[in-house]
């Protein structure tokens, strides 16, 4: 799969996930439709030790506003808002500030082999072997600790020309601009 095909696939899946539908403009259209902003808030939860030494909770959202490349990695910058609640259920504080955090770019699986064998009839001196259609699919799971899966995914995508963190940040910023007019 070429870089352009991969980008197109990602874009189509993203747009389909967000519920957009592509439609050809008709001659009866008097004015272009206004784009509506898409809610990109991501829920954030966590725990902390409150003043009594017990576990308190944090509940909030992170809204990405831009992406940037730093030291070969990808960062998301945006607004973090939320509330700290102590073990007794009392609100002990809020946060509303701009933060940056690393973004993990991972490919969960890669297809290694997709093999389909048709039906087979074999007669070996009176021993008859009939085999119906066989479909063999081998995929590699790419994740931390999956040495063989990571290696095979890297080998299968060796010539794909993966984009740099800067190129990926530019692409994600362009998507943010499209989603939020």
N, C-alpha and C. Protein backbone atom coordinates (compact mmCIF):
# COMPACT_ATOMS: atom_id res chain seq x y z
N UNK A 1 0.85 -1.17 0.00
CA UNK A 1 0.00 0.00 0.00
C UNK A 1 0.90 1.23 0.00
N UNK A 2 0.64 2.15 -0.92
CA UNK A 2 1.46 3.35 -1.00
C UNK A 2 1.07 4.34 0.09
N UNK A 3 1.93 5.33 0.29
CA UNK A 3 1.68 6.36 1.30
C UNK A 3 0.37 7.09 0.99
N UNK A 4 0.13 7.39 -0.28
CA UNK A 4 -1.09 8.09 -0.68
C UNK A 4 -2.33 7.23 -0.42
N UNK A 5 -2.24 5.94 -0.71
CA UNK A 5 -3.38 5.05 -0.46
C UNK A 5 -3.65 4.95 1.04
N UNK A 6 -2.58 4.85 1.85
CA UNK A 6 -2.75 4.76 3.29
C UNK A 6 -3.40 6.04 3.82
N UNK A 7 -2.93 7.21 3.35
CA UNK A 7 -3.50 8.48 3.78
C UNK A 7 -4.97 8.56 3.40
N UNK A 8 -5.31 8.17 2.18
CA UNK A 8 -6.70 8.20 1.73
C UNK A 8 -7.56 7.29 2.57
N UNK A 9 -7.06 6.10 2.87
CA UNK A 9 -7.81 5.16 3.71
C UNK A 9 -8.05 5.73 5.09
N UNK A 10 -7.00 6.31 5.71
CA UNK A 10 -7.14 6.91 7.04
C UNK A 10 -8.15 8.04 7.01
N UNK A 11 -8.09 8.89 5.99
CA UNK A 11 -9.00 10.02 5.89
C UNK A 11 -10.44 9.55 5.72
N UNK A 12 -10.66 8.55 4.88
CA UNK A 12 -12.02 8.04 4.66
C UNK A 12 -12.57 7.43 5.94
N UNK A 13 -11.75 6.64 6.64
CA UNK A 13 -12.21 6.03 7.90
C UNK A 13 -12.51 7.11 8.93
N UNK A 14 -11.64 8.13 9.02
CA UNK A 14 -11.86 9.21 9.98
C UNK A 14 -13.16 9.95 9.67
N UNK A 15 -13.37 10.28 8.41
CA UNK A 15 -14.59 11.00 8.05
C UNK A 15 -15.83 10.14 8.26
N UNK A 16 -15.73 8.85 7.95
CA UNK A 16 -16.87 7.95 8.17
C UNK A 16 -17.17 7.83 9.65
N UNK A 17 -16.11 7.76 10.47
CA UNK A 17 -16.29 7.65 11.91
C UNK A 17 -16.97 8.90 12.47
N UNK A 18 -16.63 10.05 11.94
CA UNK A 18 -17.21 11.30 12.42
C UNK A 18 -18.59 11.56 11.84
N UNK A 19 -19.03 10.69 10.93
CA UNK A 19 -20.40 10.80 10.44
C UNK A 19 -20.57 11.72 9.24
N UNK A 20 -19.51 12.01 8.54
CA UNK A 20 -19.64 12.83 7.35
C UNK A 20 -20.07 11.97 6.19
N UNK A 21 -20.80 12.55 5.26
CA UNK A 21 -21.17 11.84 4.05
C UNK A 21 -20.81 12.72 2.87
N UNK A 22 -20.17 12.12 1.89
CA UNK A 22 -19.79 12.88 0.69
C UNK A 22 -20.98 12.88 -0.26
N UNK A 23 -21.32 14.02 -0.76
CA UNK A 23 -22.42 14.13 -1.71
C UNK A 23 -22.03 15.11 -2.80
N UNK A 24 -22.42 14.81 -4.01
CA UNK A 24 -22.12 15.71 -5.12
C UNK A 24 -23.04 16.92 -5.03
N UNK A 25 -22.51 18.12 -5.28
CA UNK A 25 -23.36 19.30 -5.22
C UNK A 25 -24.37 19.29 -6.36
N UNK A 26 -25.58 19.70 -6.07
CA UNK A 26 -26.61 19.72 -7.10
C UNK A 26 -26.78 21.14 -7.63
N UNK A 27 -27.40 21.25 -8.77
CA UNK A 27 -27.62 22.55 -9.38
C UNK A 27 -28.63 23.36 -8.58
N UNK A 28 -29.48 22.68 -7.79
CA UNK A 28 -30.51 23.37 -7.02
C UNK A 28 -29.96 24.01 -5.75
N UNK A 29 -28.71 23.77 -5.43
CA UNK A 29 -28.14 24.33 -4.22
C UNK A 29 -27.93 25.82 -4.40
N UNK A 30 -28.59 26.61 -3.55
CA UNK A 30 -28.50 28.06 -3.68
C UNK A 30 -27.28 28.61 -2.97
N UNK A 31 -26.97 28.10 -1.79
CA UNK A 31 -25.83 28.59 -1.02
C UNK A 31 -25.11 27.40 -0.41
N UNK A 32 -23.80 27.51 -0.26
CA UNK A 32 -23.08 26.39 0.35
C UNK A 32 -23.50 26.22 1.80
N UNK A 33 -23.53 24.95 2.22
CA UNK A 33 -23.90 24.66 3.61
C UNK A 33 -22.76 25.07 4.54
N UNK A 34 -23.13 25.56 5.72
CA UNK A 34 -22.11 25.94 6.69
C UNK A 34 -21.58 24.71 7.39
N UNK A 35 -20.27 24.71 7.61
CA UNK A 35 -19.67 23.60 8.35
C UNK A 35 -19.88 23.84 9.83
N UNK A 36 -20.11 22.76 10.53
CA UNK A 36 -20.26 22.85 11.98
C UNK A 36 -19.01 22.28 12.63
N UNK A 37 -18.61 22.89 13.73
CA UNK A 37 -17.44 22.41 14.47
C UNK A 37 -17.73 21.03 15.05
N UNK A 38 -16.71 20.20 15.08
CA UNK A 38 -16.82 18.85 15.62
C UNK A 38 -16.25 18.85 17.03
N UNK A 39 -16.94 18.19 17.94
CA UNK A 39 -16.48 18.11 19.32
C UNK A 39 -15.34 17.09 19.39
N UNK A 40 -14.14 17.55 19.70
CA UNK A 40 -12.97 16.68 19.75
C UNK A 40 -12.53 16.41 21.18
N UNK A 41 -13.38 16.68 22.17
CA UNK A 41 -13.02 16.47 23.57
C UNK A 41 -12.79 14.99 23.85
N UNK A 42 -11.68 14.72 24.56
CA UNK A 42 -11.33 13.35 24.94
C UNK A 42 -11.44 13.25 26.46
N UNK A 43 -12.19 12.28 26.98
CA UNK A 43 -12.30 12.15 28.45
C UNK A 43 -10.94 11.80 29.07
N UNK A 44 -10.65 12.41 30.21
CA UNK A 44 -9.42 12.14 30.96
C UNK A 44 -9.82 11.84 32.40
N UNK A 45 -9.33 10.72 32.94
CA UNK A 45 -9.60 10.37 34.33
C UNK A 45 -8.30 9.95 34.99
N UNK A 46 -8.27 10.05 36.30
CA UNK A 46 -7.07 9.64 37.03
C UNK A 46 -7.32 9.68 38.52
N UNK A 47 -6.26 9.35 39.26
CA UNK A 47 -6.35 9.37 40.73
C UNK A 47 -5.20 10.19 41.30
N UNK A 48 -5.36 10.62 42.54
CA UNK A 48 -4.32 11.35 43.26
C UNK A 48 -4.50 11.06 44.74
N UNK A 49 -3.49 11.38 45.52
CA UNK A 49 -3.58 11.20 46.97
C UNK A 49 -4.07 12.51 47.58
N UNK A 50 -5.21 12.46 48.25
CA UNK A 50 -5.77 13.69 48.82
C UNK A 50 -5.10 14.03 50.16
N UNK A 51 -5.57 15.08 50.82
CA UNK A 51 -4.95 15.58 52.06
C UNK A 51 -5.03 14.56 53.19
N UNK A 52 -5.98 13.64 53.14
CA UNK A 52 -6.10 12.63 54.20
C UNK A 52 -5.28 11.38 53.90
N UNK A 53 -4.60 11.37 52.76
CA UNK A 53 -3.80 10.21 52.37
C UNK A 53 -4.58 9.15 51.62
N UNK A 54 -5.83 9.42 51.32
CA UNK A 54 -6.66 8.47 50.58
C UNK A 54 -6.67 8.84 49.09
N UNK A 55 -7.24 7.96 48.28
CA UNK A 55 -7.27 8.17 46.84
C UNK A 55 -8.43 9.08 46.44
N UNK A 56 -8.07 10.20 45.81
CA UNK A 56 -9.06 11.08 45.22
C UNK A 56 -9.10 10.82 43.73
N UNK A 57 -10.06 11.43 43.04
CA UNK A 57 -10.20 11.21 41.60
C UNK A 57 -10.15 12.52 40.82
N UNK A 58 -9.74 12.40 39.57
CA UNK A 58 -9.78 13.52 38.64
C UNK A 58 -10.65 13.10 37.47
N UNK A 59 -11.55 13.96 37.04
CA UNK A 59 -12.38 13.71 35.86
C UNK A 59 -12.42 14.99 35.05
N UNK A 60 -12.11 14.88 33.77
CA UNK A 60 -12.10 16.06 32.92
C UNK A 60 -12.03 15.69 31.46
N UNK A 61 -11.64 16.68 30.65
CA UNK A 61 -11.52 16.46 29.21
C UNK A 61 -10.27 17.16 28.69
N UNK A 62 -9.74 16.63 27.60
CA UNK A 62 -8.64 17.24 26.87
C UNK A 62 -9.14 17.52 25.46
N UNK A 63 -8.97 18.76 24.99
CA UNK A 63 -9.37 19.14 23.65
C UNK A 63 -8.12 19.51 22.86
N UNK A 64 -7.72 18.68 21.88
CA UNK A 64 -6.52 19.01 21.10
C UNK A 64 -6.74 20.24 20.22
N UNK A 65 -5.74 21.12 20.21
CA UNK A 65 -5.82 22.34 19.41
C UNK A 65 -4.77 22.37 18.32
N UNK A 66 -3.65 21.67 18.52
CA UNK A 66 -2.60 21.62 17.50
C UNK A 66 -1.67 20.45 17.82
N UNK A 67 -0.91 20.06 16.82
CA UNK A 67 0.08 18.99 16.96
C UNK A 67 1.42 19.53 16.53
N UNK A 68 2.49 19.01 17.12
CA UNK A 68 3.83 19.46 16.80
C UNK A 68 4.80 18.30 16.91
N UNK A 69 5.90 18.41 16.17
CA UNK A 69 6.97 17.42 16.26
C UNK A 69 8.06 17.95 17.17
N UNK A 70 8.56 17.08 18.06
CA UNK A 70 9.65 17.47 18.95
C UNK A 70 10.54 16.26 19.19
N UNK A 71 11.81 16.40 18.88
CA UNK A 71 12.79 15.34 19.07
C UNK A 71 12.36 14.03 18.40
N UNK A 72 11.78 14.11 17.22
CA UNK A 72 11.36 12.93 16.48
C UNK A 72 10.05 12.34 16.95
N UNK A 73 9.44 12.91 17.99
CA UNK A 73 8.16 12.42 18.50
C UNK A 73 7.04 13.39 18.16
N UNK A 74 5.83 12.99 18.42
CA UNK A 74 4.66 13.79 18.12
C UNK A 74 4.01 14.24 19.43
N UNK A 75 3.69 15.54 19.52
CA UNK A 75 3.04 16.10 20.71
C UNK A 75 1.67 16.67 20.34
N UNK A 76 0.71 16.51 21.24
CA UNK A 76 -0.60 17.15 21.10
C UNK A 76 -0.67 18.26 22.12
N UNK A 77 -1.05 19.45 21.69
CA UNK A 77 -1.21 20.59 22.60
C UNK A 77 -2.67 21.00 22.58
N UNK A 78 -3.20 21.30 23.77
CA UNK A 78 -4.59 21.69 23.84
C UNK A 78 -4.99 22.06 25.25
N UNK A 79 -6.29 22.14 25.47
CA UNK A 79 -6.83 22.58 26.76
C UNK A 79 -7.27 21.38 27.59
N UNK A 80 -6.81 21.38 28.85
CA UNK A 80 -7.22 20.36 29.83
C UNK A 80 -8.11 21.03 30.85
N UNK A 81 -9.32 20.52 31.02
CA UNK A 81 -10.24 21.03 32.04
C UNK A 81 -10.76 19.85 32.84
N UNK A 82 -10.98 20.07 34.12
CA UNK A 82 -11.50 18.99 34.94
C UNK A 82 -11.60 19.36 36.41
N UNK A 83 -12.04 18.39 37.19
CA UNK A 83 -12.31 18.60 38.61
C UNK A 83 -11.63 17.51 39.44
N UNK A 84 -11.01 17.93 40.56
CA UNK A 84 -10.43 17.02 41.54
C UNK A 84 -11.44 16.80 42.64
N UNK A 85 -11.69 15.53 42.98
CA UNK A 85 -12.63 15.18 44.03
C UNK A 85 -11.92 14.30 45.04
N UNK A 86 -12.02 14.65 46.33
CA UNK A 86 -11.32 13.85 47.36
C UNK A 86 -12.09 12.57 47.66
N UNK A 87 -11.54 11.74 48.56
CA UNK A 87 -12.13 10.44 48.88
C UNK A 87 -13.52 10.59 49.50
N UNK A 88 -13.81 11.74 50.14
CA UNK A 88 -15.12 11.97 50.75
C UNK A 88 -16.15 12.46 49.73
N UNK A 89 -15.73 12.67 48.49
CA UNK A 89 -16.65 13.13 47.45
C UNK A 89 -16.75 14.64 47.33
N UNK A 90 -15.87 15.37 48.02
CA UNK A 90 -15.89 16.84 47.98
C UNK A 90 -15.00 17.35 46.84
N UNK A 91 -15.48 18.37 46.15
CA UNK A 91 -14.70 19.02 45.11
C UNK A 91 -13.56 19.80 45.78
N UNK A 92 -12.31 19.45 45.46
CA UNK A 92 -11.18 20.13 46.10
C UNK A 92 -10.41 21.03 45.13
N UNK A 93 -10.83 21.10 43.90
CA UNK A 93 -10.16 21.98 42.96
C UNK A 93 -10.51 21.67 41.52
N UNK A 94 -10.19 22.64 40.67
CA UNK A 94 -10.43 22.47 39.24
C UNK A 94 -9.17 22.86 38.50
N UNK A 95 -9.09 22.43 37.26
CA UNK A 95 -7.98 22.80 36.39
C UNK A 95 -8.56 23.23 35.05
N UNK A 96 -7.98 24.28 34.50
CA UNK A 96 -8.35 24.77 33.17
C UNK A 96 -7.10 25.43 32.61
N UNK A 97 -6.27 24.63 31.91
CA UNK A 97 -5.02 25.17 31.40
C UNK A 97 -4.60 24.45 30.13
N UNK A 98 -3.69 25.08 29.41
CA UNK A 98 -3.12 24.49 28.20
C UNK A 98 -2.01 23.53 28.58
N UNK A 99 -2.00 22.36 27.96
CA UNK A 99 -0.98 21.35 28.23
C UNK A 99 -0.52 20.74 26.91
N UNK A 100 0.65 20.10 26.93
CA UNK A 100 1.11 19.30 25.81
C UNK A 100 1.45 17.92 26.33
N UNK A 101 1.17 16.94 25.49
CA UNK A 101 1.44 15.56 25.89
C UNK A 101 1.85 14.75 24.67
N UNK A 102 2.68 13.73 24.90
CA UNK A 102 3.11 12.90 23.77
C UNK A 102 1.95 12.09 23.20
N UNK A 103 2.01 11.88 21.90
CA UNK A 103 1.01 11.10 21.20
C UNK A 103 1.67 9.82 20.72
N UNK A 104 1.09 8.71 21.04
CA UNK A 104 1.62 7.42 20.59
C UNK A 104 0.99 7.09 19.24
N UNK A 105 1.81 6.87 18.25
CA UNK A 105 1.35 6.47 16.94
C UNK A 105 1.69 5.01 16.78
N UNK A 106 0.68 4.16 16.75
CA UNK A 106 0.93 2.73 16.69
C UNK A 106 0.01 2.09 15.67
N UNK A 107 0.50 1.05 15.07
CA UNK A 107 -0.31 0.28 14.15
C UNK A 107 -0.59 -1.04 14.85
N UNK A 108 -1.86 -1.33 15.10
CA UNK A 108 -2.21 -2.49 15.90
C UNK A 108 -1.89 -3.80 15.20
N UNK A 109 -2.22 -3.91 13.94
CA UNK A 109 -1.95 -5.16 13.23
C UNK A 109 -1.45 -4.86 11.83
N UNK A 110 -0.73 -5.79 11.27
CA UNK A 110 -0.36 -5.72 9.86
C UNK A 110 -0.57 -7.08 9.24
N UNK A 111 -1.08 -7.07 8.05
CA UNK A 111 -1.33 -8.32 7.35
C UNK A 111 -0.02 -8.82 6.76
N UNK A 112 0.34 -10.04 7.10
CA UNK A 112 1.57 -10.66 6.62
C UNK A 112 1.28 -11.54 5.41
N UNK A 113 0.25 -12.37 5.51
CA UNK A 113 -0.06 -13.32 4.44
C UNK A 113 -1.56 -13.54 4.38
N UNK A 114 -2.09 -13.53 3.16
CA UNK A 114 -3.49 -13.86 2.91
C UNK A 114 -3.50 -14.85 1.76
N UNK A 115 -3.66 -16.13 2.06
CA UNK A 115 -3.52 -17.19 1.08
C UNK A 115 -4.82 -17.98 1.01
N UNK A 116 -5.34 -18.17 -0.21
CA UNK A 116 -6.53 -18.98 -0.42
C UNK A 116 -6.18 -20.12 -1.35
N UNK A 117 -6.40 -21.34 -0.87
CA UNK A 117 -6.18 -22.54 -1.68
C UNK A 117 -7.54 -23.09 -2.06
N UNK A 118 -7.72 -23.40 -3.34
CA UNK A 118 -8.98 -23.95 -3.81
C UNK A 118 -9.15 -25.39 -3.34
N UNK A 119 -10.32 -25.99 -3.60
CA UNK A 119 -10.56 -27.37 -3.21
C UNK A 119 -9.55 -28.30 -3.89
N UNK A 120 -9.20 -29.38 -3.18
CA UNK A 120 -8.18 -30.32 -3.68
C UNK A 120 -8.73 -31.74 -3.59
N UNK A 121 -8.60 -32.50 -4.69
CA UNK A 121 -8.96 -33.92 -4.70
C UNK A 121 -7.70 -34.68 -5.08
N UNK A 122 -7.28 -35.57 -4.21
CA UNK A 122 -6.04 -36.30 -4.42
C UNK A 122 -6.31 -37.80 -4.26
N UNK A 123 -5.92 -38.60 -5.28
CA UNK A 123 -6.07 -40.05 -5.23
C UNK A 123 -4.68 -40.65 -5.32
N UNK A 124 -4.18 -41.18 -4.19
CA UNK A 124 -2.85 -41.76 -4.13
C UNK A 124 -2.97 -43.27 -3.98
N UNK A 125 -3.03 -43.97 -5.11
CA UNK A 125 -3.08 -45.43 -5.12
C UNK A 125 -4.17 -45.99 -4.21
N UNK A 126 -5.32 -45.41 -4.30
CA UNK A 126 -6.45 -45.90 -3.52
C UNK A 126 -6.71 -45.11 -2.25
N UNK A 127 -5.79 -44.26 -1.86
CA UNK A 127 -6.02 -43.39 -0.71
C UNK A 127 -6.53 -42.06 -1.26
N UNK A 128 -7.77 -41.73 -0.93
CA UNK A 128 -8.39 -40.53 -1.47
C UNK A 128 -8.40 -39.45 -0.40
N UNK A 129 -7.88 -38.30 -0.77
CA UNK A 129 -7.86 -37.14 0.13
C UNK A 129 -8.65 -36.03 -0.55
N UNK A 130 -9.70 -35.57 0.14
CA UNK A 130 -10.47 -34.43 -0.34
C UNK A 130 -10.31 -33.29 0.65
N UNK A 131 -9.92 -32.17 0.13
CA UNK A 131 -9.71 -30.99 0.96
C UNK A 131 -10.54 -29.86 0.38
N UNK A 132 -11.38 -29.27 1.22
CA UNK A 132 -12.19 -28.15 0.77
C UNK A 132 -11.33 -26.89 0.73
N UNK A 133 -11.90 -25.77 0.35
CA UNK A 133 -11.15 -24.53 0.25
C UNK A 133 -10.55 -24.15 1.60
N UNK A 134 -9.29 -23.69 1.59
CA UNK A 134 -8.58 -23.27 2.79
C UNK A 134 -8.22 -21.79 2.62
N UNK A 135 -8.53 -21.01 3.63
CA UNK A 135 -8.17 -19.59 3.62
C UNK A 135 -7.28 -19.34 4.83
N UNK A 136 -6.02 -19.02 4.59
CA UNK A 136 -5.04 -18.79 5.64
C UNK A 136 -4.72 -17.30 5.70
N UNK A 137 -4.93 -16.72 6.88
CA UNK A 137 -4.60 -15.31 7.09
C UNK A 137 -3.65 -15.23 8.28
N UNK A 138 -2.50 -14.58 8.06
CA UNK A 138 -1.53 -14.38 9.13
C UNK A 138 -1.37 -12.88 9.33
N UNK A 139 -1.61 -12.41 10.56
CA UNK A 139 -1.43 -11.01 10.89
C UNK A 139 -0.46 -10.90 12.05
N UNK A 140 0.27 -9.81 12.09
CA UNK A 140 1.22 -9.56 13.18
C UNK A 140 0.64 -8.48 14.08
N UNK A 141 0.74 -8.69 15.37
CA UNK A 141 0.28 -7.71 16.36
C UNK A 141 1.48 -6.84 16.75
N UNK A 142 1.39 -5.55 16.46
CA UNK A 142 2.46 -4.63 16.77
C UNK A 142 2.12 -3.88 18.06
N UNK A 143 2.93 -4.12 19.10
CA UNK A 143 2.71 -3.47 20.39
C UNK A 143 3.96 -3.66 21.24
N UNK A 144 4.10 -2.89 22.32
CA UNK A 144 5.26 -3.09 23.19
C UNK A 144 5.32 -4.52 23.71
N UNK A 145 6.49 -5.14 23.62
CA UNK A 145 6.68 -6.50 24.09
C UNK A 145 6.42 -7.56 23.05
N UNK A 146 5.84 -7.21 21.91
CA UNK A 146 5.56 -8.18 20.85
C UNK A 146 6.71 -8.16 19.84
N UNK A 147 7.82 -8.77 20.21
CA UNK A 147 9.04 -8.69 19.42
C UNK A 147 8.83 -9.16 17.99
N UNK A 148 8.28 -10.35 17.81
CA UNK A 148 8.12 -10.89 16.47
C UNK A 148 7.09 -10.08 15.67
N UNK A 149 5.98 -9.70 16.31
CA UNK A 149 4.98 -8.88 15.62
C UNK A 149 5.54 -7.55 15.19
N UNK A 150 6.30 -6.88 16.07
CA UNK A 150 6.92 -5.60 15.72
C UNK A 150 7.90 -5.76 14.56
N UNK A 151 8.70 -6.82 14.61
CA UNK A 151 9.70 -7.06 13.57
C UNK A 151 9.03 -7.31 12.22
N UNK A 152 8.01 -8.17 12.19
CA UNK A 152 7.34 -8.48 10.93
C UNK A 152 6.59 -7.28 10.38
N UNK A 153 5.97 -6.48 11.25
CA UNK A 153 5.30 -5.25 10.77
C UNK A 153 6.32 -4.28 10.18
N UNK A 154 7.47 -4.15 10.84
CA UNK A 154 8.51 -3.26 10.33
C UNK A 154 9.01 -3.73 8.97
N UNK A 155 9.18 -5.04 8.81
CA UNK A 155 9.67 -5.58 7.54
C UNK A 155 8.63 -5.39 6.44
N UNK A 156 7.36 -5.64 6.73
CA UNK A 156 6.34 -5.51 5.68
C UNK A 156 6.15 -4.06 5.24
N UNK A 157 6.48 -3.10 6.11
CA UNK A 157 6.31 -1.69 5.75
C UNK A 157 7.65 -0.99 5.51
N UNK A 158 8.68 -1.77 5.22
CA UNK A 158 10.02 -1.23 5.05
C UNK A 158 10.09 -0.21 3.91
N UNK A 159 9.38 -0.44 2.84
CA UNK A 159 9.47 0.43 1.67
C UNK A 159 8.30 1.39 1.55
N UNK A 160 7.47 1.51 2.59
CA UNK A 160 6.29 2.37 2.51
C UNK A 160 6.61 3.85 2.59
N UNK A 161 7.74 4.24 3.14
CA UNK A 161 8.04 5.66 3.28
C UNK A 161 7.16 6.30 4.34
N UNK A 162 7.23 5.81 5.57
CA UNK A 162 6.41 6.36 6.65
C UNK A 162 6.71 7.84 6.85
N UNK A 163 5.68 8.65 7.10
CA UNK A 163 5.90 10.08 7.27
C UNK A 163 6.64 10.38 8.56
N UNK A 164 7.39 11.47 8.56
CA UNK A 164 8.09 11.90 9.77
C UNK A 164 7.07 12.48 10.76
N UNK A 165 7.53 12.71 11.98
CA UNK A 165 6.65 13.29 13.00
C UNK A 165 6.18 14.68 12.56
N UNK A 166 7.05 15.44 11.89
CA UNK A 166 6.66 16.77 11.41
C UNK A 166 5.57 16.70 10.34
N UNK A 167 5.71 15.74 9.42
CA UNK A 167 4.70 15.57 8.37
C UNK A 167 3.38 15.12 8.97
N UNK A 168 3.46 14.22 9.96
CA UNK A 168 2.25 13.74 10.61
C UNK A 168 1.57 14.87 11.39
N UNK A 169 2.37 15.70 12.06
CA UNK A 169 1.81 16.85 12.79
C UNK A 169 1.11 17.81 11.83
N UNK A 170 1.71 18.06 10.67
CA UNK A 170 1.10 18.95 9.68
C UNK A 170 -0.23 18.37 9.18
N UNK A 171 -0.25 17.06 8.95
CA UNK A 171 -1.47 16.40 8.49
C UNK A 171 -2.57 16.50 9.55
N UNK A 172 -2.23 16.23 10.80
CA UNK A 172 -3.23 16.30 11.88
C UNK A 172 -3.72 17.73 12.09
N UNK A 173 -2.84 18.72 11.95
CA UNK A 173 -3.25 20.12 12.07
C UNK A 173 -4.22 20.49 10.93
N UNK A 174 -3.96 19.97 9.73
CA UNK A 174 -4.85 20.23 8.61
C UNK A 174 -6.23 19.61 8.87
N UNK A 175 -6.25 18.41 9.44
CA UNK A 175 -7.53 17.78 9.78
C UNK A 175 -8.27 18.57 10.85
N UNK A 176 -7.54 19.07 11.86
CA UNK A 176 -8.18 19.90 12.89
C UNK A 176 -8.80 21.15 12.27
N UNK A 177 -8.09 21.76 11.33
CA UNK A 177 -8.60 22.96 10.68
C UNK A 177 -9.86 22.65 9.87
N UNK A 178 -9.91 21.47 9.25
CA UNK A 178 -11.11 21.09 8.50
C UNK A 178 -12.29 20.81 9.42
N UNK A 179 -12.01 20.23 10.58
CA UNK A 179 -13.09 19.85 11.48
C UNK A 179 -13.62 21.02 12.30
N UNK A 180 -12.81 22.04 12.52
CA UNK A 180 -13.22 23.20 13.30
C UNK A 180 -13.07 24.46 12.48
N UNK A 181 -14.16 24.89 11.82
CA UNK A 181 -14.08 26.09 10.94
C UNK A 181 -13.83 27.35 11.73
